[in-house]
Amino acid sequence: MTLPVGGDIGSETHATTDQTFIIVKGEGRANIGNEIQPFEKKDILFVPAGTVHDIVNTGQVDLKLLTVYSPPNHPDGTVQATKEG
């Protein structure tokens, strides 16, 4: 996933799916439940199922991150160009 400078994924919740973010490039802010924490390259963020969360790029370059859902949340081949779908 790539988020442009100032971009975010939008507040979301996955009722039955845990989500893990691996930060590959850039820095930002994670809003996970009631906690807000900064992150940077090489950090790993975990979001338990049912937790409201948002990832925001607060850096000066595109934020590159890898996200893993467990169990899988999107059908094979799903491509989303933007957070709107």
PDB file of N, CA and C in Angstrom:
ATOM      1  N   MET A   1       0.844  -1.164   0.000  1.00  0.00           N
ATOM      2  CA  MET A   1       0.000   0.000   0.000  1.00  0.00           C
ATOM      3  C   MET A   1       0.894   1.234   0.000  1.00  0.00           C
ATOM      4  N   THR A   2       0.447   2.278  -0.694  1.00  0.00           N
ATOM      5  CA  THR A   2       1.158   3.558  -0.716  1.00  0.00           C
ATOM      6  C   THR A   2       0.190   4.658  -0.320  1.00  0.00           C
ATOM      7  N   LEU A   3       0.615   5.495   0.623  1.00  0.00           N
ATOM      8  CA  LEU A   3      -0.163   6.668   1.009  1.00  0.00           C
ATOM      9  C   LEU A   3       0.641   7.916   0.672  1.00  0.00           C
ATOM     10  N   PRO A   4       0.056   8.852  -0.060  1.00  0.00           N
ATOM     11  CA  PRO A   4       0.792  10.078  -0.384  1.00  0.00           C
ATOM     12  C   PRO A   4       0.994  10.935   0.859  1.00  0.00           C
ATOM     13  N   VAL A   5       1.877  11.908   0.762  1.00  0.00           N
ATOM     14  CA  VAL A   5       2.118  12.845   1.863  1.00  0.00           C
ATOM     15  C   VAL A   5       0.780  13.457   2.280  1.00  0.00           C
ATOM     16  N   GLY A   6       0.467  13.386   3.568  1.00  0.00           N
ATOM     17  CA  GLY A   6      -0.783  13.910   4.092  1.00  0.00           C
ATOM     18  C   GLY A   6      -1.971  12.967   3.932  1.00  0.00           C
ATOM     19  N   GLY A   7      -1.778  11.839   3.247  1.00  0.00           N
ATOM     20  CA  GLY A   7      -2.866  10.896   3.016  1.00  0.00           C
ATOM     21  C   GLY A   7      -3.109   9.984   4.208  1.00  0.00           C
ATOM     22  N   ASP A   8      -4.254   9.299   4.178  1.00  0.00           N
ATOM     23  CA  ASP A   8      -4.587   8.352   5.239  1.00  0.00           C
ATOM     24  C   ASP A   8      -5.440   7.237   4.646  1.00  0.00           C
ATOM     25  N   ILE A   9      -5.603   6.141   5.396  1.00  0.00           N
ATOM     26  CA  ILE A   9      -6.430   5.046   4.899  1.00  0.00           C
ATOM     27  C   ILE A   9      -7.900   5.290   5.217  1.00  0.00           C
ATOM     28  N   GLY A  10      -8.170   6.203   6.133  1.00  0.00           N
ATOM     29  CA  GLY A  10      -9.541   6.443   6.568  1.00  0.00           C
ATOM     30  C   GLY A  10      -9.875   5.542   7.741  1.00  0.00           C
ATOM     31  N   SER A  11     -10.669   6.027   8.651  1.00  0.00           N
ATOM     32  CA  SER A  11     -11.039   5.255   9.828  1.00  0.00           C
ATOM     33  C   SER A  11     -11.823   4.022   9.410  1.00  0.00           C
ATOM     34  N   GLU A  12     -11.391   2.853   9.885  1.00  0.00           N
ATOM     35  CA  GLU A  12     -12.049   1.601   9.510  1.00  0.00           C
ATOM     36  C   GLU A  12     -11.961   0.595  10.641  1.00  0.00           C
ATOM     37  N   THR A  13     -12.813  -0.417  10.559  1.00  0.00           N
ATOM     38  CA  THR A  13     -12.841  -1.509  11.528  1.00  0.00           C
ATOM     39  C   THR A  13     -13.094  -2.796  10.774  1.00  0.00           C
ATOM     40  N   HIS A  14     -12.388  -3.854  11.131  1.00  0.00           N
ATOM     41  CA  HIS A  14     -12.623  -5.183  10.558  1.00  0.00           C
ATOM     42  C   HIS A  14     -13.121  -6.067  11.700  1.00  0.00           C
ATOM     43  N   ALA A  15     -14.391  -6.436  11.650  1.00  0.00           N
ATOM     44  CA  ALA A  15     -15.043  -7.114  12.774  1.00  0.00           C
ATOM     45  C   ALA A  15     -14.391  -8.425  13.173  1.00  0.00           C
ATOM     46  N   THR A  16     -13.950  -9.203  12.206  1.00  0.00           N
ATOM     47  CA  THR A  16     -13.429 -10.547  12.521  1.00  0.00           C
ATOM     48  C   THR A  16     -12.021 -10.784  12.003  1.00  0.00           C
ATOM     49  N   THR A  17     -11.339  -9.719  11.619  1.00  0.00           N
ATOM     50  CA  THR A  17     -10.019  -9.857  11.002  1.00  0.00           C
ATOM     51  C   THR A  17      -8.974  -9.021  11.723  1.00  0.00           C
ATOM     52  N   ASP A  18      -7.877  -9.648  12.174  1.00  0.00           N
ATOM     53  CA  ASP A  18      -6.725  -8.909  12.694  1.00  0.00           C
ATOM     54  C   ASP A  18      -5.973  -8.320  11.506  1.00  0.00           C
ATOM     55  N   GLN A  19      -5.296  -7.186  11.712  1.00  0.00           N
ATOM     56  CA  GLN A  19      -4.513  -6.563  10.646  1.00  0.00           C
ATOM     57  C   GLN A  19      -3.145  -6.170  11.190  1.00  0.00           C
ATOM     58  N   THR A  20      -2.117  -6.455  10.409  1.00  0.00           N
ATOM     59  CA  THR A  20      -0.746  -6.095  10.757  1.00  0.00           C
ATOM     60  C   THR A  20      -0.190  -5.202   9.662  1.00  0.00           C
ATOM     61  N   PHE A  21       0.428  -4.084  10.050  1.00  0.00           N
ATOM     62  CA  PHE A  21       1.075  -3.172   9.116  1.00  0.00           C
ATOM     63  C   PHE A  21       2.585  -3.251   9.321  1.00  0.00           C
ATOM     64  N   ILE A  22       3.332  -3.400   8.250  1.00  0.00           N
ATOM     65  CA  ILE A  22       4.794  -3.369   8.282  1.00  0.00           C
ATOM     66  C   ILE A  22       5.216  -2.131   7.504  1.00  0.00           C
ATOM     67  N   ILE A  23       5.902  -1.219   8.178  1.00  0.00           N
ATOM     68  CA  ILE A  23       6.281   0.046   7.550  1.00  0.00           C
ATOM     69  C   ILE A  23       7.572  -0.151   6.764  1.00  0.00           C
ATOM     70  N   VAL A  24       7.501   0.067   5.453  1.00  0.00           N
ATOM     71  CA  VAL A  24       8.637  -0.161   4.553  1.00  0.00           C
ATOM     72  C   VAL A  24       9.404   1.132   4.283  1.00  0.00           C
ATOM     73  N   LYS A  25       8.673   2.253   4.168  1.00  0.00           N
ATOM     74  CA  LYS A  25       9.320   3.541   3.879  1.00  0.00           C
ATOM     75  C   LYS A  25       8.440   4.659   4.415  1.00  0.00           C
ATOM     76  N   GLY A  26       9.054   5.654   5.018  1.00  0.00           N
ATOM     77  CA  GLY A  26       8.323   6.827   5.473  1.00  0.00           C
ATOM     78  C   GLY A  26       8.019   6.794   6.957  1.00  0.00           C
ATOM     79  N   GLU A  27       7.147   7.703   7.353  1.00  0.00           N
ATOM     80  CA  GLU A  27       6.753   7.820   8.758  1.00  0.00           C
ATOM     81  C   GLU A  27       5.326   8.324   8.833  1.00  0.00           C
ATOM     82  N   GLY A  28       4.728   8.156   9.991  1.00  0.00           N
ATOM     83  CA  GLY A  28       3.350   8.604  10.117  1.00  0.00           C
ATOM     84  C   GLY A  28       2.833   8.472  11.521  1.00  0.00           C
ATOM     85  N   ARG A  29       1.487   8.435  11.598  1.00  0.00           N
ATOM     86  CA  ARG A  29       0.798   8.335  12.872  1.00  0.00           C
ATOM     87  C   ARG A  29      -0.259   7.245  12.765  1.00  0.00           C
ATOM     88  N   ALA A  30      -0.293   6.386  13.775  1.00  0.00           N
ATOM     89  CA  ALA A  30      -1.293   5.329  13.837  1.00  0.00           C
ATOM     90  C   ALA A  30      -2.314   5.683  14.906  1.00  0.00           C
ATOM     91  N   ASN A  31      -3.576   5.678  14.532  1.00  0.00           N
ATOM     92  CA  ASN A  31      -4.672   5.843  15.473  1.00  0.00           C
ATOM     93  C   ASN A  31      -5.291   4.456  15.624  1.00  0.00           C
ATOM     94  N   ILE A  32      -5.020   3.793  16.737  1.00  0.00           N
ATOM     95  CA  ILE A  32      -5.497   2.430  16.955  1.00  0.00           C
ATOM     96  C   ILE A  32      -6.295   2.418  18.253  1.00  0.00           C
ATOM     97  N   GLY A  33      -7.605   2.226  18.117  1.00  0.00           N
ATOM     98  CA  GLY A  33      -8.466   2.308  19.293  1.00  0.00           C
ATOM     99  C   GLY A  33      -8.381   3.700  19.880  1.00  0.00           C
ATOM    100  N   ASN A  34      -8.065   3.791  21.155  1.00  0.00           N
ATOM    101  CA  ASN A  34      -7.946   5.086  21.832  1.00  0.00           C
ATOM    102  C   ASN A  34      -6.511   5.583  21.910  1.00  0.00           C
ATOM    103  N   GLU A  35      -5.599   4.912  21.215  1.00  0.00           N
ATOM    104  CA  GLU A  35      -4.187   5.293  21.269  1.00  0.00           C
ATOM    105  C   GLU A  35      -3.736   5.917  19.951  1.00  0.00           C
ATOM    106  N   ILE A  36      -2.876   6.921  20.074  1.00  0.00           N
ATOM    107  CA  ILE A  36      -2.250   7.551  18.912  1.00  0.00           C
ATOM    108  C   ILE A  36      -0.749   7.408  19.108  1.00  0.00           C
ATOM    109  N   GLN A  37      -0.081   6.850  18.093  1.00  0.00           N
ATOM    110  CA  GLN A  37       1.362   6.665  18.227  1.00  0.00           C
ATOM    111  C   GLN A  37       2.055   6.937  16.904  1.00  0.00           C
ATOM    112  N   PRO A  38       3.229   7.593  16.965  1.00  0.00           N
ATOM    113  CA  PRO A  38       4.008   7.790  15.749  1.00  0.00           C
ATOM    114  C   PRO A  38       4.703   6.481  15.358  1.00  0.00           C
ATOM    115  N   PHE A  39       5.040   6.364  14.078  1.00  0.00           N
ATOM    116  CA  PHE A  39       5.799   5.198  13.613  1.00  0.00           C
ATOM    117  C   PHE A  39       6.736   5.637  12.504  1.00  0.00           C
ATOM    118  N   GLU A  40       7.701   4.763  12.202  1.00  0.00           N
ATOM    119  CA  GLU A  40       8.662   5.033  11.132  1.00  0.00           C
ATOM    120  C   GLU A  40       9.054   3.720  10.467  1.00  0.00           C
ATOM    121  N   LYS A  41       9.902   3.835   9.455  1.00  0.00           N
ATOM    122  CA  LYS A  41      10.377   2.677   8.702  1.00  0.00           C
ATOM    123  C   LYS A  41      10.843   1.557   9.649  1.00  0.00           C
ATOM    124  N   LYS A  42      10.471   0.347   9.335  1.00  0.00           N
ATOM    125  CA  LYS A  42      10.803  -0.889  10.046  1.00  0.00           C
ATOM    126  C   LYS A  42       9.904  -1.161  11.245  1.00  0.00           C
ATOM    127  N   ASP A  43       8.991  -0.260  11.578  1.00  0.00           N
ATOM    128  CA  ASP A  43       8.053  -0.533  12.670  1.00  0.00           C
ATOM    129  C   ASP A  43       6.969  -1.494  12.197  1.00  0.00           C
ATOM    130  N   ILE A  44       6.389  -2.212  13.136  1.00  0.00           N
ATOM    131  CA  ILE A  44       5.281  -3.120  12.874  1.00  0.00           C
ATOM    132  C   ILE A  44       4.136  -2.723  13.796  1.00  0.00           C
ATOM    133  N   LEU A  45       2.944  -2.584  13.222  1.00  0.00           N
ATOM    134  CA  LEU A  45       1.754  -2.196  13.978  1.00  0.00           C
ATOM    135  C   LEU A  45       0.743  -3.333  13.915  1.00  0.00           C
ATOM    136  N   PHE A  46       0.111  -3.648  15.041  1.00  0.00           N
ATOM    137  CA  PHE A  46      -0.888  -4.710  15.084  1.00  0.00           C
ATOM    138  C   PHE A  46      -2.236  -4.120  15.492  1.00  0.00           C
ATOM    139  N   VAL A  47      -3.273  -4.482  14.739  1.00  0.00           N
ATOM    140  CA  VAL A  47      -4.630  -4.014  15.017  1.00  0.00           C
ATOM    141  C   VAL A  47      -5.524  -5.232  15.241  1.00  0.00           C
ATOM    142  N   PRO A  48      -5.969  -5.461  16.475  1.00  0.00           N
ATOM    143  CA  PRO A  48      -6.850  -6.597  16.737  1.00  0.00           C
ATOM    144  C   PRO A  48      -8.213  -6.430  16.054  1.00  0.00           C
ATOM    145  N   ALA A  49      -8.841  -7.520  15.702  1.00  0.00           N
ATOM    146  CA  ALA A  49     -10.177  -7.490  15.112  1.00  0.00           C
ATOM    147  C   ALA A  49     -11.109  -6.646  15.973  1.00  0.00           C
ATOM    148  N   GLY A  50     -11.973  -5.875  15.322  1.00  0.00           N
ATOM    149  CA  GLY A  50     -12.948  -5.062  16.026  1.00  0.00           C
ATOM    150  C   GLY A  50     -12.448  -3.723  16.513  1.00  0.00           C
ATOM    151  N   THR A  51     -11.194  -3.376  16.214  1.00  0.00           N
ATOM    152  CA  THR A  51     -10.601  -2.126  16.689  1.00  0.00           C
ATOM    153  C   THR A  51     -10.640  -1.059  15.595  1.00  0.00           C
ATOM    154  N   VAL A  52     -11.189   0.098  15.900  1.00  0.00           N
ATOM    155  CA  VAL A  52     -11.191   1.213  14.960  1.00  0.00           C
ATOM    156  C   VAL A  52      -9.751   1.682  14.775  1.00  0.00           C
ATOM    157  N   HIS A  53      -9.348   1.932  13.528  1.00  0.00           N
ATOM    158  CA  HIS A  53      -7.973   2.364  13.268  1.00  0.00           C
ATOM    159  C   HIS A  53      -7.879   3.222  12.016  1.00  0.00           C
ATOM    160  N   ASP A  54      -6.797   4.004  11.966  1.00  0.00           N
ATOM    161  CA  ASP A  54      -6.469   4.828  10.804  1.00  0.00           C
ATOM    162  C   ASP A  54      -4.957   4.972  10.776  1.00  0.00           C
ATOM    163  N   ILE A  55      -4.392   5.001   9.588  1.00  0.00           N
ATOM    164  CA  ILE A  55      -2.959   5.213   9.387  1.00  0.00           C
ATOM    165  C   ILE A  55      -2.813   6.497   8.584  1.00  0.00           C
ATOM    166  N   VAL A  56      -1.986   7.429   9.069  1.00  0.00           N
ATOM    167  CA  VAL A  56      -1.825   8.742   8.448  1.00  0.00           C
ATOM    168  C   VAL A  56      -0.358   8.964   8.094  1.00  0.00           C
ATOM    169  N   ASN A  57      -0.106   9.409   6.872  1.00  0.00           N
ATOM    170  CA  ASN A  57       1.255   9.751   6.457  1.00  0.00           C
ATOM    171  C   ASN A  57       1.552  11.177   6.905  1.00  0.00           C
ATOM    172  N   THR A  58       2.430  11.334   7.902  1.00  0.00           N
ATOM    173  CA  THR A  58       2.820  12.657   8.391  1.00  0.00           C
ATOM    174  C   THR A  58       4.210  13.055   7.901  1.00  0.00           C
ATOM    175  N   GLY A  59       4.808  12.218   7.060  1.00  0.00           N
ATOM    176  CA  GLY A  59       6.170  12.461   6.583  1.00  0.00           C
ATOM    177  C   GLY A  59       6.223  13.337   5.340  1.00  0.00           C
ATOM    178  N   GLN A  60       7.410  13.408   4.754  1.00  0.00           N
ATOM    179  CA  GLN A  60       7.666  14.246   3.587  1.00  0.00           C
ATOM    180  C   GLN A  60       7.775  13.443   2.286  1.00  0.00           C
ATOM    181  N   VAL A  61       7.597  12.122   2.369  1.00  0.00           N
ATOM    182  CA  VAL A  61       7.643  11.245   1.196  1.00  0.00           C
ATOM    183  C   VAL A  61       6.454  10.291   1.254  1.00  0.00           C
ATOM    184  N   ASP A  62       6.157   9.642   0.125  1.00  0.00           N
ATOM    185  CA  ASP A  62       5.096   8.639   0.122  1.00  0.00           C
ATOM    186  C   ASP A  62       5.375   7.582   1.182  1.00  0.00           C
ATOM    187  N   LEU A  63       4.346   7.185   1.893  1.00  0.00           N
ATOM    188  CA  LEU A  63       4.442   6.130   2.896  1.00  0.00           C
ATOM    189  C   LEU A  63       4.196   4.791   2.207  1.00  0.00           C
ATOM    190  N   LYS A  64       5.137   3.877   2.348  1.00  0.00           N
ATOM    191  CA  LYS A  64       5.012   2.532   1.771  1.00  0.00           C
ATOM    192  C   LYS A  64       4.848   1.550   2.917  1.00  0.00           C
ATOM    193  N   LEU A  65       3.783   0.766   2.862  1.00  0.00           N
ATOM    194  CA  LEU A  65       3.572  -0.219   3.916  1.00  0.00           C
ATOM    195  C   LEU A  65       2.963  -1.486   3.340  1.00  0.00           C
ATOM    196  N   LEU A  66       3.215  -2.545   4.058  1.00  0.00           N
ATOM    197  CA  LEU A  66       2.676  -3.857   3.725  1.00  0.00           C
ATOM    198  C   LEU A  66       1.627  -4.170   4.768  1.00  0.00           C
ATOM    199  N   THR A  67       0.482  -4.663   4.343  1.00  0.00           N
ATOM    200  CA  THR A  67      -0.563  -5.010   5.302  1.00  0.00           C
ATOM    201  C   THR A  67      -0.963  -6.468   5.127  1.00  0.00           C
ATOM    202  N   VAL A  68      -1.129  -7.133   6.269  1.00  0.00           N
ATOM    203  CA  VAL A  68      -1.486  -8.551   6.285  1.00  0.00           C
ATOM    204  C   VAL A  68      -2.765  -8.708   7.099  1.00  0.00           C
ATOM    205  N   TYR A  69      -3.742  -9.384   6.531  1.00  0.00           N
ATOM    206  CA  TYR A  69      -5.005  -9.670   7.210  1.00  0.00           C
ATOM    207  C   TYR A  69      -5.030 -11.131   7.628  1.00  0.00           C
ATOM    208  N   SER A  70      -5.564 -11.394   8.813  1.00  0.00           N
ATOM    209  CA  SER A  70      -5.693 -12.777   9.267  1.00  0.00           C
ATOM    210  C   SER A  70      -7.017 -12.942   9.999  1.00  0.00           C
ATOM    211  N   PRO A  71      -7.923 -13.750   9.464  1.00  0.00           N
ATOM    212  CA  PRO A  71      -7.863 -14.420   8.167  1.00  0.00           C
ATOM    213  C   PRO A  71      -7.969 -13.406   7.027  1.00  0.00           C
ATOM    214  N   PRO A  72      -7.727 -13.837   5.776  1.00  0.00           N
ATOM    215  CA  PRO A  72      -7.778 -12.905   4.632  1.00  0.00           C
ATOM    216  C   PRO A  72      -9.084 -12.121   4.610  1.00  0.00           C
ATOM    217  N   ASN A  73      -8.984 -10.839   4.241  1.00  0.00           N
ATOM    218  CA  ASN A  73     -10.141  -9.949   4.276  1.00  0.00           C
ATOM    219  C   ASN A  73     -10.653  -9.585   2.886  1.00  0.00           C
ATOM    220  N   HIS A  74      -9.819  -9.693   1.859  1.00  0.00           N
ATOM    221  CA  HIS A  74     -10.201  -9.301   0.503  1.00  0.00           C
ATOM    222  C   HIS A  74     -10.081 -10.499  -0.432  1.00  0.00           C
ATOM    223  N   PRO A  75     -11.010 -10.656  -1.363  1.00  0.00           N
ATOM    224  CA  PRO A  75     -10.895 -11.749  -2.332  1.00  0.00           C
ATOM    225  C   PRO A  75      -9.606 -11.633  -3.148  1.00  0.00           C
ATOM    226  N   ASP A  76      -9.070 -12.767  -3.570  1.00  0.00           N
ATOM    227  CA  ASP A  76      -7.862 -12.805  -4.384  1.00  0.00           C
ATOM    228  C   ASP A  76      -8.019 -11.887  -5.596  1.00  0.00           C
ATOM    229  N   GLY A  77      -6.996 -11.068  -5.864  1.00  0.00           N
ATOM    230  CA  GLY A  77      -6.991 -10.180  -7.021  1.00  0.00           C
ATOM    231  C   GLY A  77      -7.595  -8.811  -6.779  1.00  0.00           C
ATOM    232  N   THR A  78      -8.046  -8.516  -5.566  1.00  0.00           N
ATOM    233  CA  THR A  78      -8.641  -7.215  -5.254  1.00  0.00           C
ATOM    234  C   THR A  78      -7.595  -6.115  -5.379  1.00  0.00           C
ATOM    235  N   VAL A  79      -7.942  -5.043  -6.096  1.00  0.00           N
ATOM    236  CA  VAL A  79      -7.082  -3.862  -6.226  1.00  0.00           C
ATOM    237  C   VAL A  79      -7.921  -2.648  -5.898  1.00  0.00           C
ATOM    238  N   GLN A  80      -7.475  -1.833  -4.941  1.00  0.00           N
ATOM    239  CA  GLN A  80      -8.170  -0.598  -4.596  1.00  0.00           C
ATOM    240  C   GLN A  80      -7.235   0.561  -4.910  1.00  0.00           C
ATOM    241  N   ALA A  81      -7.644   1.432  -5.831  1.00  0.00           N
ATOM    242  CA  ALA A  81      -6.809   2.564  -6.213  1.00  0.00           C
ATOM    243  C   ALA A  81      -6.768   3.640  -5.142  1.00  0.00           C
ATOM    244  N   THR A  82      -7.857   3.775  -4.373  1.00  0.00           N
ATOM    245  CA  THR A  82      -7.935   4.773  -3.311  1.00  0.00           C
ATOM    246  C   THR A  82      -8.716   4.200  -2.139  1.00  0.00           C
ATOM    247  N   LYS A  83      -8.738   4.906  -1.013  1.00  0.00           N
ATOM    248  CA  LYS A  83      -9.493   4.428   0.143  1.00  0.00           C
ATOM    249  C   LYS A  83     -10.988   4.368  -0.132  1.00  0.00           C
ATOM    250  N   GLU A  84     -11.457   5.134  -1.123  1.00  0.00           N
ATOM    251  CA  GLU A  84     -12.873   5.111  -1.487  1.00  0.00           C
ATOM    252  C   GLU A  84     -13.242   3.846  -2.242  1.00  0.00           C
ATOM    253  N   GLY A  85     -12.230   3.121  -2.730  1.00  0.00           N
ATOM    254  CA  GLY A  85     -12.524   1.881  -3.432  1.00  0.00           C
ATOM    255  C   GLY A  85     -12.032   1.924  -4.815  1.00  0.00           C
TER     256      GLY A  85
END
